[in-house]
Amino acid sequence: REQPSRRAILADITCDSDGKIDRFADLHDVRKALPLHDLKAEEEYYL
């Protein structure tokens, strides 16, 4: 119900530069960043 105010890529917890997701689904092309919400203190953010 909130507008996502950030644009981000995802990194995993491996210590590898390939451990990331920087290509996302889009109707017209491949999106390079994903709209996400600001993290809130003491509240989990689930994807």
All heavy atoms as atom14 arrays in JSON, in Angstrom:
{
  "sequence": "REQPSRRAILADITCDSDGKIDRFADLHDVRKALPLHDLKAEEEYYL",
  "atom14_mask": [
    [1, 1, 1, 1, 1, 1, 1, 1, 1, 1, 1, 0, 0, 0],
    [1, 1, 1, 1, 1, 1, 1, 1, 1, 0, 0, 0, 0, 0],
    [1, 1, 1, 1, 1, 1, 1, 1, 1, 0, 0, 0, 0, 0],
    [1, 1, 1, 1, 1, 1, 1, 0, 0, 0, 0, 0, 0, 0],
    [1, 1, 1, 1, 1, 1, 0, 0, 0, 0, 0, 0, 0, 0],
    [1, 1, 1, 1, 1, 1, 1, 1, 1, 1, 1, 0, 0, 0],
    [1, 1, 1, 1, 1, 1, 1, 1, 1, 1, 1, 0, 0, 0],
    [1, 1, 1, 1, 1, 0, 0, 0, 0, 0, 0, 0, 0, 0],
    [1, 1, 1, 1, 1, 1, 1, 1, 0, 0, 0, 0, 0, 0],
    [1, 1, 1, 1, 1, 1, 1, 1, 0, 0, 0, 0, 0, 0],
    [1, 1, 1, 1, 1, 0, 0, 0, 0, 0, 0, 0, 0, 0],
    [1, 1, 1, 1, 1, 1, 1, 1, 0, 0, 0, 0, 0, 0],
    [1, 1, 1, 1, 1, 1, 1, 1, 0, 0, 0, 0, 0, 0],
    [1, 1, 1, 1, 1, 1, 1, 0, 0, 0, 0, 0, 0, 0],
    [1, 1, 1, 1, 1, 1, 0, 0, 0, 0, 0, 0, 0, 0],
    [1, 1, 1, 1, 1, 1, 1, 1, 0, 0, 0, 0, 0, 0],
    [1, 1, 1, 1, 1, 1, 0, 0, 0, 0, 0, 0, 0, 0],
    [1, 1, 1, 1, 1, 1, 1, 1, 0, 0, 0, 0, 0, 0],
    [1, 1, 1, 1, 0, 0, 0, 0, 0, 0, 0, 0, 0, 0],
    [1, 1, 1, 1, 1, 1, 1, 1, 1, 0, 0, 0, 0, 0],
    [1, 1, 1, 1, 1, 1, 1, 1, 0, 0, 0, 0, 0, 0],
    [1, 1, 1, 1, 1, 1, 1, 1, 0, 0, 0, 0, 0, 0],
    [1, 1, 1, 1, 1, 1, 1, 1, 1, 1, 1, 0, 0, 0],
    [1, 1, 1, 1, 1, 1, 1, 1, 1, 1, 1, 0, 0, 0],
    [1, 1, 1, 1, 1, 0, 0, 0, 0, 0, 0, 0, 0, 0],
    [1, 1, 1, 1, 1, 1, 1, 1, 0, 0, 0, 0, 0, 0],
    [1, 1, 1, 1, 1, 1, 1, 1, 0, 0, 0, 0, 0, 0],
    [1, 1, 1, 1, 1, 1, 1, 1, 1, 1, 0, 0, 0, 0],
    [1, 1, 1, 1, 1, 1, 1, 1, 0, 0, 0, 0, 0, 0],
    [1, 1, 1, 1, 1, 1, 1, 0, 0, 0, 0, 0, 0, 0],
    [1, 1, 1, 1, 1, 1, 1, 1, 1, 1, 1, 0, 0, 0],
    [1, 1, 1, 1, 1, 1, 1, 1, 1, 0, 0, 0, 0, 0],
    [1, 1, 1, 1, 1, 0, 0, 0, 0, 0, 0, 0, 0, 0],
    [1, 1, 1, 1, 1, 1, 1, 1, 0, 0, 0, 0, 0, 0],
    [1, 1, 1, 1, 1, 1, 1, 0, 0, 0, 0, 0, 0, 0],
    [1, 1, 1, 1, 1, 1, 1, 1, 0, 0, 0, 0, 0, 0],
    [1, 1, 1, 1, 1, 1, 1, 1, 1, 1, 0, 0, 0, 0],
    [1, 1, 1, 1, 1, 1, 1, 1, 0, 0, 0, 0, 0, 0],
    [1, 1, 1, 1, 1, 1, 1, 1, 0, 0, 0, 0, 0, 0],
    [1, 1, 1, 1, 1, 1, 1, 1, 1, 0, 0, 0, 0, 0],
    [1, 1, 1, 1, 1, 0, 0, 0, 0, 0, 0, 0, 0, 0],
    [1, 1, 1, 1, 1, 1, 1, 1, 1, 0, 0, 0, 0, 0],
    [1, 1, 1, 1, 1, 1, 1, 1, 1, 0, 0, 0, 0, 0],
    [1, 1, 1, 1, 1, 1, 1, 1, 1, 0, 0, 0, 0, 0],
    [1, 1, 1, 1, 1, 1, 1, 1, 1, 1, 1, 1, 0, 0],
    [1, 1, 1, 1, 1, 1, 1, 1, 1, 1, 1, 1, 0, 0],
    [1, 1, 1, 1, 1, 1, 1, 1, 0, 0, 0, 0, 0, 0]
  ],
  "atom14_positions": [
    [[0.83, -1.21, 0.0], [0.0, 0.0, 0.0], [0.87, 1.26, 0.0], [0.38, 2.37, -0.14], [-0.92, 0.02, 1.21], [-2.0, -1.07, 1.2], [-2.87, -1.0, 2.44], [-3.6, 0.27, 2.49], [-4.79, 0.48, 1.92], [-5.38, -0.5, 1.25], [-5.38, 1.64, 2.02], [0.0, 0.0, 0.0], [0.0, 0.0, 0.0], [0.0, 0.0, 0.0]],
    [[2.19, 1.04, 0.19], [3.14, 2.15, 0.2], [3.87, 2.23, -1.14], [4.17, 1.21, -1.76], [4.2, 1.94, 1.3], [3.65, 1.7, 2.68], [4.76, 1.29, 3.64], [5.91, 1.78, 3.47], [4.49, 0.48, 4.55], [0.0, 0.0, 0.0], [0.0, 0.0, 0.0], [0.0, 0.0, 0.0], [0.0, 0.0, 0.0], [0.0, 0.0, 0.0]],
    [[4.18, 3.44, -1.55], [4.95, 3.61, -2.77], [6.41, 3.26, -2.5], [7.01, 3.77, -1.56], [4.86, 5.05, -3.28], [5.62, 5.27, -4.59], [5.44, 6.67, -5.13], [4.86, 7.52, -4.48], [5.93, 6.92, -6.33], [0.0, 0.0, 0.0], [0.0, 0.0, 0.0], [0.0, 0.0, 0.0], [0.0, 0.0, 0.0], [0.0, 0.0, 0.0]],
    [[7.02, 2.38, -3.29], [8.44, 2.09, -3.1], [9.28, 3.3, -3.5], [9.17, 3.78, -4.62], [8.68, 0.89, -4.02], [7.61, 0.97, -5.06], [6.43, 1.61, -4.41], [0.0, 0.0, 0.0], [0.0, 0.0, 0.0], [0.0, 0.0, 0.0], [0.0, 0.0, 0.0], [0.0, 0.0, 0.0], [0.0, 0.0, 0.0], [0.0, 0.0, 0.0]],
    [[10.11, 3.76, -2.59], [10.85, 5.01, -2.83], [12.3, 4.77, -3.21], [13.03, 5.72, -3.51], [10.79, 5.89, -1.58], [11.32, 5.21, -0.46], [0.0, 0.0, 0.0], [0.0, 0.0, 0.0], [0.0, 0.0, 0.0], [0.0, 0.0, 0.0], [0.0, 0.0, 0.0], [0.0, 0.0, 0.0], [0.0, 0.0, 0.0], [0.0, 0.0, 0.0]],
    [[12.76, 3.51, -3.17], [14.15, 3.22, -3.49], [14.22, 2.34, -4.73], [13.27, 1.66, -5.09], [14.83, 2.47, -2.33], [14.64, 3.1, -0.96], [15.16, 4.51, -0.88], [16.57, 4.61, -1.24], [17.24, 5.77, -1.26], [16.62, 6.9, -0.96], [18.5, 5.78, -1.6], [0.0, 0.0, 0.0], [0.0, 0.0, 0.0], [0.0, 0.0, 0.0]],
    [[15.36, 2.35, -5.39], [15.64, 1.47, -6.53], [16.9, 0.69, -6.16], [17.9, 1.29, -5.74], [15.85, 2.26, -7.81], [14.62, 3.04, -8.24], [14.88, 3.92, -9.44], [15.15, 3.13, -10.64], [16.35, 2.89, -11.13], [17.42, 3.37, -10.54], [16.5, 2.16, -12.22], [0.0, 0.0, 0.0], [0.0, 0.0, 0.0], [0.0, 0.0, 0.0]],
    [[16.85, -0.63, -6.32], [17.94, -1.44, -5.78], [18.21, -2.67, -6.62], [17.38, -3.12, -7.41], [17.59, -1.87, -4.34], [0.0, 0.0, 0.0], [0.0, 0.0, 0.0], [0.0, 0.0, 0.0], [0.0, 0.0, 0.0], [0.0, 0.0, 0.0], [0.0, 0.0, 0.0], [0.0, 0.0, 0.0], [0.0, 0.0, 0.0], [0.0, 0.0, 0.0]],
    [[19.4, -3.21, -6.43], [19.71, -4.56, -6.86], [19.81, -5.4, -5.59], [19.89, -4.86, -4.48], [21.0, -4.65, -7.69], [22.23, -4.29, -6.84], [20.92, -3.76, -8.91], [23.55, -4.62, -7.5], [0.0, 0.0, 0.0], [0.0, 0.0, 0.0], [0.0, 0.0, 0.0], [0.0, 0.0, 0.0], [0.0, 0.0, 0.0], [0.0, 0.0, 0.0]],
    [[19.81, -6.73, -5.75], [19.88, -7.63, -4.61], [21.25, -8.29, -4.56], [21.73, -8.79, -5.57], [18.82, -8.71, -4.71], [17.43, -8.45, -4.1], [17.56, -8.34, -2.6], [16.8, -7.21, -4.7], [0.0, 0.0, 0.0], [0.0, 0.0, 0.0], [0.0, 0.0, 0.0], [0.0, 0.0, 0.0], [0.0, 0.0, 0.0], [0.0, 0.0, 0.0]],
    [[21.85, -8.29, -3.38], [23.09, -9.04, -3.15], [22.79, -10.13, -2.14], [22.0, -9.93, -1.21], [24.19, -8.13, -2.63], [0.0, 0.0, 0.0], [0.0, 0.0, 0.0], [0.0, 0.0, 0.0], [0.0, 0.0, 0.0], [0.0, 0.0, 0.0], [0.0, 0.0, 0.0], [0.0, 0.0, 0.0], [0.0, 0.0, 0.0], [0.0, 0.0, 0.0]],
    [[23.4, -11.31, -2.33], [23.2, -12.39, -1.37], [24.28, -12.32, -0.29], [25.04, -11.36, -0.23], [23.13, -13.75, -2.06], [24.46, -14.17, -2.69], [25.5, -13.5, -2.45], [24.48, -15.18, -3.43], [0.0, 0.0, 0.0], [0.0, 0.0, 0.0], [0.0, 0.0, 0.0], [0.0, 0.0, 0.0], [0.0, 0.0, 0.0], [0.0, 0.0, 0.0]],
    [[24.37, -13.36, 0.55], [25.33, -13.3, 1.65], [26.58, -14.12, 1.36], [27.37, -14.39, 2.27], [24.7, -13.76, 2.98], [24.18, -15.2, 2.9], [23.58, -12.83, 3.39], [23.74, -15.75, 4.25], [0.0, 0.0, 0.0], [0.0, 0.0, 0.0], [0.0, 0.0, 0.0], [0.0, 0.0, 0.0], [0.0, 0.0, 0.0], [0.0, 0.0, 0.0]],
    [[26.8, -14.5, 0.1], [28.06, -15.12, -0.25], [29.11, -14.03, -0.43], [28.78, -12.87, -0.65], [27.95, -15.92, -1.57], [27.7, -15.01, -2.65], [26.84, -16.94, -1.5], [0.0, 0.0, 0.0], [0.0, 0.0, 0.0], [0.0, 0.0, 0.0], [0.0, 0.0, 0.0], [0.0, 0.0, 0.0], [0.0, 0.0, 0.0], [0.0, 0.0, 0.0]],
    [[30.36, -14.41, -0.34], [31.43, -13.43, -0.56], [31.9, -13.56, -2.01], [33.07, -13.82, -2.28], [32.56, -13.62, 0.43], [33.32, -15.25, 0.41], [0.0, 0.0, 0.0], [0.0, 0.0, 0.0], [0.0, 0.0, 0.0], [0.0, 0.0, 0.0], [0.0, 0.0, 0.0], [0.0, 0.0, 0.0], [0.0, 0.0, 0.0], [0.0, 0.0, 0.0]],
    [[30.97, -13.38, -2.95], [31.28, -13.52, -4.37], [30.61, -12.39, -5.11], [29.42, -12.11, -4.91], [30.77, -14.88, -4.88], [31.33, -15.23, -6.25], [31.14, -14.43, -7.18], [31.97, -16.29, -6.38], [0.0, 0.0, 0.0], [0.0, 0.0, 0.0], [0.0, 0.0, 0.0], [0.0, 0.0, 0.0], [0.0, 0.0, 0.0], [0.0, 0.0, 0.0]],
    [[31.34, -11.75, -6.0], [30.78, -10.62, -6.74], [29.65, -11.03, -7.67], [28.85, -10.21, -8.08], [31.89, -9.92, -7.55], [32.49, -10.83, -8.46], [0.0, 0.0, 0.0], [0.0, 0.0, 0.0], [0.0, 0.0, 0.0], [0.0, 0.0, 0.0], [0.0, 0.0, 0.0], [0.0, 0.0, 0.0], [0.0, 0.0, 0.0], [0.0, 0.0, 0.0]],
    [[29.58, -12.33, -8.01], [28.47, -12.82, -8.82], [27.23, -13.13, -7.99], [26.19, -13.47, -8.55], [28.88, -14.09, -9.57], [29.73, -13.78, -10.8], [29.74, -12.61, -11.22], [30.39, -14.69, -11.31], [0.0, 0.0, 0.0], [0.0, 0.0, 0.0], [0.0, 0.0, 0.0], [0.0, 0.0, 0.0], [0.0, 0.0, 0.0], [0.0, 0.0, 0.0]],
    [[27.33, -13.03, -6.7], [26.2, -13.35, -5.83], [25.22, -12.2, -5.75], [25.03, -11.58, -4.68], [0.0, 0.0, 0.0], [0.0, 0.0, 0.0], [0.0, 0.0, 0.0], [0.0, 0.0, 0.0], [0.0, 0.0, 0.0], [0.0, 0.0, 0.0], [0.0, 0.0, 0.0], [0.0, 0.0, 0.0], [0.0, 0.0, 0.0], [0.0, 0.0, 0.0]],
    [[24.61, -11.89, -6.87], [23.7, -10.75, -6.92], [22.61, -11.01, -7.95], [22.72, -11.88, -8.81], [24.46, -9.48, -7.3], [25.07, -9.54, -8.69], [25.86, -8.27, -9.02], [26.48, -8.38, -10.43], [27.26, -7.19, -10.78], [0.0, 0.0, 0.0], [0.0, 0.0, 0.0], [0.0, 0.0, 0.0], [0.0, 0.0, 0.0], [0.0, 0.0, 0.0]],
    [[21.55, -10.24, -7.86], [20.5, -10.21, -8.88], [20.37, -8.77, -9.33], [20.01, -7.88, -8.55], [19.17, -10.73, -8.33], [19.32, -12.16, -7.82], [18.09, -10.67, -9.4], [18.06, -12.72, -7.18], [0.0, 0.0, 0.0], [0.0, 0.0, 0.0], [0.0, 0.0, 0.0], [0.0, 0.0, 0.0], [0.0, 0.0, 0.0], [0.0, 0.0, 0.0]],
    [[20.71, -8.53, -10.59], [20.64, -7.17, -11.12], [19.9, -7.13, -12.45], [20.08, -6.2, -13.24], [22.04, -6.57, -11.26], [22.97, -7.41, -12.13], [22.51, -8.44, -12.67], [24.16, -7.04, -12.27], [0.0, 0.0, 0.0], [0.0, 0.0, 0.0], [0.0, 0.0, 0.0], [0.0, 0.0, 0.0], [0.0, 0.0, 0.0], [0.0, 0.0, 0.0]],
    [[19.06, -8.12, -12.68], [18.17, -8.16, -13.85], [16.79, -8.57, -13.37], [16.65, -9.61, -12.7], [18.69, -9.16, -14.89], [20.0, -8.75, -15.55], [20.66, -9.94, -16.25], [19.76, -10.61, -17.17], [19.55, -10.23, -18.44], [20.19, -9.18, -18.92], [18.72, -10.89, -19.22], [0.0, 0.0, 0.0], [0.0, 0.0, 0.0], [0.0, 0.0, 0.0]],
    [[15.8, -7.77, -13.68], [14.47, -7.98, -13.12], [13.42, -7.95, -14.22], [13.6, -7.31, -15.26], [14.16, -6.9, -12.06], [15.17, -6.86, -10.96], [16.25, -5.98, -11.02], [15.06, -7.69, -9.86], [17.19, -5.94, -10.01], [16.01, -7.67, -8.84], [17.08, -6.79, -8.91], [0.0, 0.0, 0.0], [0.0, 0.0, 0.0], [0.0, 0.0, 0.0]],
    [[12.32, -8.64, -13.97], [11.24, -8.75, -14.95], [10.62, -7.38, -15.22], [10.41, -6.58, -14.32], [10.17, -9.72, -14.43], [0.0, 0.0, 0.0], [0.0, 0.0, 0.0], [0.0, 0.0, 0.0], [0.0, 0.0, 0.0], [0.0, 0.0, 0.0], [0.0, 0.0, 0.0], [0.0, 0.0, 0.0], [0.0, 0.0, 0.0], [0.0, 0.0, 0.0]],
    [[10.32, -7.14, -16.49], [9.68, -5.91, -16.91], [8.9, -6.2, -18.19], [9.33, -7.03, -19.01], [10.72, -4.81, -17.16], [10.08, -3.47, -17.46], [9.51, -2.87, -16.53], [10.15, -3.03, -18.63], [0.0, 0.0, 0.0], [0.0, 0.0, 0.0], [0.0, 0.0, 0.0], [0.0, 0.0, 0.0], [0.0, 0.0, 0.0], [0.0, 0.0, 0.0]],
    [[7.79, -5.54, -18.39], [6.95, -5.82, -19.55], [7.63, -5.46, -20.87], [7.37, -6.08, -21.9], [5.62, -5.05, -19.45], [4.57, -5.63, -18.52], [3.33, -4.76, -18.52], [4.21, -7.05, -18.92], [0.0, 0.0, 0.0], [0.0, 0.0, 0.0], [0.0, 0.0, 0.0], [0.0, 0.0, 0.0], [0.0, 0.0, 0.0], [0.0, 0.0, 0.0]],
    [[8.49, -4.45, -20.85], [9.04, -3.93, -22.1], [10.5, -4.29, -22.31], [11.0, -4.25, -23.43], [8.86, -2.41, -22.15], [7.44, -1.98, -21.94], [6.44, -2.26, -22.85], [6.86, -1.31, -20.92], [5.29, -1.76, -22.4], [5.52, -1.19, -21.24], [0.0, 0.0, 0.0], [0.0, 0.0, 0.0], [0.0, 0.0, 0.0], [0.0, 0.0, 0.0]],
    [[11.22, -4.6, -21.25], [12.64, -4.91, -21.37], [13.06, -5.58, -20.07], [12.24, -5.93, -19.25], [13.43, -3.62, -21.62], [14.79, -3.89, -22.23], [15.17, -5.08, -22.31], [15.48, -2.95, -22.63], [0.0, 0.0, 0.0], [0.0, 0.0, 0.0], [0.0, 0.0, 0.0], [0.0, 0.0, 0.0], [0.0, 0.0, 0.0], [0.0, 0.0, 0.0]],
    [[14.37, -5.73, -19.89], [14.89, -6.21, -18.61], [15.21, -5.0, -17.75], [15.94, -4.11, -18.15], [16.16, -7.06, -18.83], [16.76, -7.46, -17.49], [15.83, -8.3, -19.65], [0.0, 0.0, 0.0], [0.0, 0.0, 0.0], [0.0, 0.0, 0.0], [0.0, 0.0, 0.0], [0.0, 0.0, 0.0], [0.0, 0.0, 0.0], [0.0, 0.0, 0.0]],
    [[14.62, -4.97, -16.57], [14.82, -3.86, -15.67], [16.13, -4.03, -14.91], [16.44, -5.13, -14.43], [13.64, -3.79, -14.71], [13.6, -2.58, -13.85], [12.3, -2.32, -13.12], [11.34, -3.41, -13.08], [10.11, -3.27, -12.59], [9.71, -2.12, -12.13], [9.29, -4.28, -12.55], [0.0, 0.0, 0.0], [0.0, 0.0, 0.0], [0.0, 0.0, 0.0]],
    [[16.91, -2.96, -14.77], [18.23, -3.06, -14.13], [18.19, -2.84, -12.63], [19.18, -3.11, -11.94], [19.19, -2.06, -14.79], [19.46, -2.37, -16.26], [20.43, -1.37, -16.85], [20.7, -1.69, -18.32], [21.62, -0.72, -18.94], [0.0, 0.0, 0.0], [0.0, 0.0, 0.0], [0.0, 0.0, 0.0], [0.0, 0.0, 0.0], [0.0, 0.0, 0.0]],
    [[17.1, -2.32, -12.11], [16.96, -2.12, -10.67], [15.5, -2.32, -10.3], [14.6, -2.14, -11.12], [17.44, -0.73, -10.25], [0.0, 0.0, 0.0], [0.0, 0.0, 0.0], [0.0, 0.0, 0.0], [0.0, 0.0, 0.0], [0.0, 0.0, 0.0], [0.0, 0.0, 0.0], [0.0, 0.0, 0.0], [0.0, 0.0, 0.0], [0.0, 0.0, 0.0]],
    [[15.27, -2.72, -9.06], [13.94, -3.06, -8.6], [13.44, -2.01, -7.61], [14.16, -1.67, -6.66], [13.98, -4.43, -7.92], [12.65, -5.02, -7.46], [11.8, -5.42, -8.66], [12.9, -6.24, -6.56], [0.0, 0.0, 0.0], [0.0, 0.0, 0.0], [0.0, 0.0, 0.0], [0.0, 0.0, 0.0], [0.0, 0.0, 0.0], [0.0, 0.0, 0.0]],
    [[12.23, -1.51, -7.79], [11.68, -0.58, -6.79], [11.42, -1.3, -5.47], [10.77, -2.35, -5.44], [10.35, -0.13, -7.43], [10.48, -0.43, -8.89], [11.34, -1.65, -8.97], [0.0, 0.0, 0.0], [0.0, 0.0, 0.0], [0.0, 0.0, 0.0], [0.0, 0.0, 0.0], [0.0, 0.0, 0.0], [0.0, 0.0, 0.0], [0.0, 0.0, 0.0]],
    [[11.95, -0.75, -4.4], [11.79, -1.33, -3.07], [11.49, -0.24, -2.05], [11.64, 0.96, -2.34], [13.04, -2.11, -2.65], [13.36, -3.38, -3.46], [14.69, -3.96, -3.03], [12.25, -4.41, -3.32], [0.0, 0.0, 0.0], [0.0, 0.0, 0.0], [0.0, 0.0, 0.0], [0.0, 0.0, 0.0], [0.0, 0.0, 0.0], [0.0, 0.0, 0.0]],
    [[11.09, -0.65, -0.86], [10.75, 0.3, 0.2], [11.95, 0.52, 1.12], [12.83, -0.33, 1.23], [9.58, -0.24, 1.03], [8.37, -0.56, 0.21], [8.18, -1.81, -0.37], [7.3, 0.19, -0.15], [7.03, -1.81, -1.03], [6.48, -0.61, -0.92], [0.0, 0.0, 0.0], [0.0, 0.0, 0.0], [0.0, 0.0, 0.0], [0.0, 0.0, 0.0]],
    [[11.94, 1.66, 1.8], [12.93, 1.91, 2.84], [12.78, 0.87, 3.94], [11.66, 0.46, 4.28], [12.73, 3.3, 3.45], [13.65, 4.33, 2.81], [14.8, 3.99, 2.52], [13.2, 5.47, 2.61], [0.0, 0.0, 0.0], [0.0, 0.0, 0.0], [0.0, 0.0, 0.0], [0.0, 0.0, 0.0], [0.0, 0.0, 0.0], [0.0, 0.0, 0.0]],
    [[13.88, 0.44, 4.5], [13.81, -0.47, 5.64], [13.36, 0.31, 6.88], [13.67, 1.49, 7.04], [15.18, -1.1, 5.92], [15.8, -1.95, 4.8], [17.05, -2.65, 5.32], [14.81, -2.96, 4.25], [0.0, 0.0, 0.0], [0.0, 0.0, 0.0], [0.0, 0.0, 0.0], [0.0, 0.0, 0.0], [0.0, 0.0, 0.0], [0.0, 0.0, 0.0]],
    [[12.6, -0.38, 7.72], [12.15, 0.22, 8.96], [12.88, -0.45, 10.13], [13.11, -1.66, 10.12], [10.64, 0.02, 9.14], [9.79, 0.79, 8.14], [8.3, 0.57, 8.4], [7.45, 1.35, 7.41], [6.0, 1.13, 7.66], [0.0, 0.0, 0.0], [0.0, 0.0, 0.0], [0.0, 0.0, 0.0], [0.0, 0.0, 0.0], [0.0, 0.0, 0.0]],
    [[13.22, 0.36, 11.11], [13.93, -0.17, 12.28], [13.07, -1.21, 13.0], [11.86, -1.02, 13.16], [14.29, 0.98, 13.23], [0.0, 0.0, 0.0], [0.0, 0.0, 0.0], [0.0, 0.0, 0.0], [0.0, 0.0, 0.0], [0.0, 0.0, 0.0], [0.0, 0.0, 0.0], [0.0, 0.0, 0.0], [0.0, 0.0, 0.0], [0.0, 0.0, 0.0]],
    [[13.7, -2.3, 13.39], [13.05, -3.35, 14.17], [11.88, -4.0, 13.43], [10.99, -4.56, 14.06], [12.56, -2.79, 15.52], [13.62, -2.11, 16.36], [14.81, -3.02, 16.63], [14.61, -4.21, 16.87], [15.94, -2.52, 16.59], [0.0, 0.0, 0.0], [0.0, 0.0, 0.0], [0.0, 0.0, 0.0], [0.0, 0.0, 0.0], [0.0, 0.0, 0.0]],
    [[11.87, -3.92, 12.12], [10.8, -4.57, 11.35], [11.41, -5.3, 10.17], [12.17, -4.71, 9.39], [9.77, -3.54, 10.85], [8.63, -4.17, 10.07], [7.62, -3.13, 9.6], [7.21, -2.29, 10.41], [7.26, -3.16, 8.39], [0.0, 0.0, 0.0], [0.0, 0.0, 0.0], [0.0, 0.0, 0.0], [0.0, 0.0, 0.0], [0.0, 0.0, 0.0]],
    [[11.11, -6.58, 10.02], [11.64, -7.36, 8.91], [11.02, -6.91, 7.6], [9.85, -6.52, 7.55], [11.36, -8.85, 9.11], [12.09, -9.49, 10.29], [13.55, -9.77, 9.99], [14.08, -9.22, 9.0], [14.17, -10.53, 10.76], [0.0, 0.0, 0.0], [0.0, 0.0, 0.0], [0.0, 0.0, 0.0], [0.0, 0.0, 0.0], [0.0, 0.0, 0.0]],
    [[11.82, -6.95, 6.56], [11.34, -6.65, 5.21], [11.52, -7.93, 4.4], [12.64, -8.43, 4.22], [12.15, -5.51, 4.61], [11.65, -4.99, 3.29], [10.32, -4.65, 3.11], [12.52, -4.8, 2.21], [9.86, -4.15, 1.89], [12.08, -4.3, 1.0], [10.75, -3.97, 0.85], [10.3, -3.48, -0.35], [0.0, 0.0, 0.0], [0.0, 0.0, 0.0]],
    [[10.4, -8.48, 3.92], [10.41, -9.77, 3.26], [10.23, -9.62, 1.75], [9.36, -8.87, 1.28], [9.28, -10.66, 3.79], [9.44, -11.08, 5.22], [8.68, -10.49, 6.23], [10.36, -12.06, 5.59], [8.81, -10.88, 7.56], [10.51, -12.46, 6.91], [9.73, -11.86, 7.9], [9.87, -12.25, 9.19], [0.0, 0.0, 0.0], [0.0, 0.0, 0.0]],
    [[11.05, -10.35, 1.02], [10.93, -10.42, -0.43], [10.63, -11.86, -0.84], [10.98, -12.8, -0.13], [12.22, -9.95, -1.11], [12.71, -8.54, -0.8], [13.98, -8.23, -1.59], [11.65, -7.49, -1.09], [0.0, 0.0, 0.0], [0.0, 0.0, 0.0], [0.0, 0.0, 0.0], [0.0, 0.0, 0.0], [0.0, 0.0, 0.0], [0.0, 0.0, 0.0]]
  ]
}
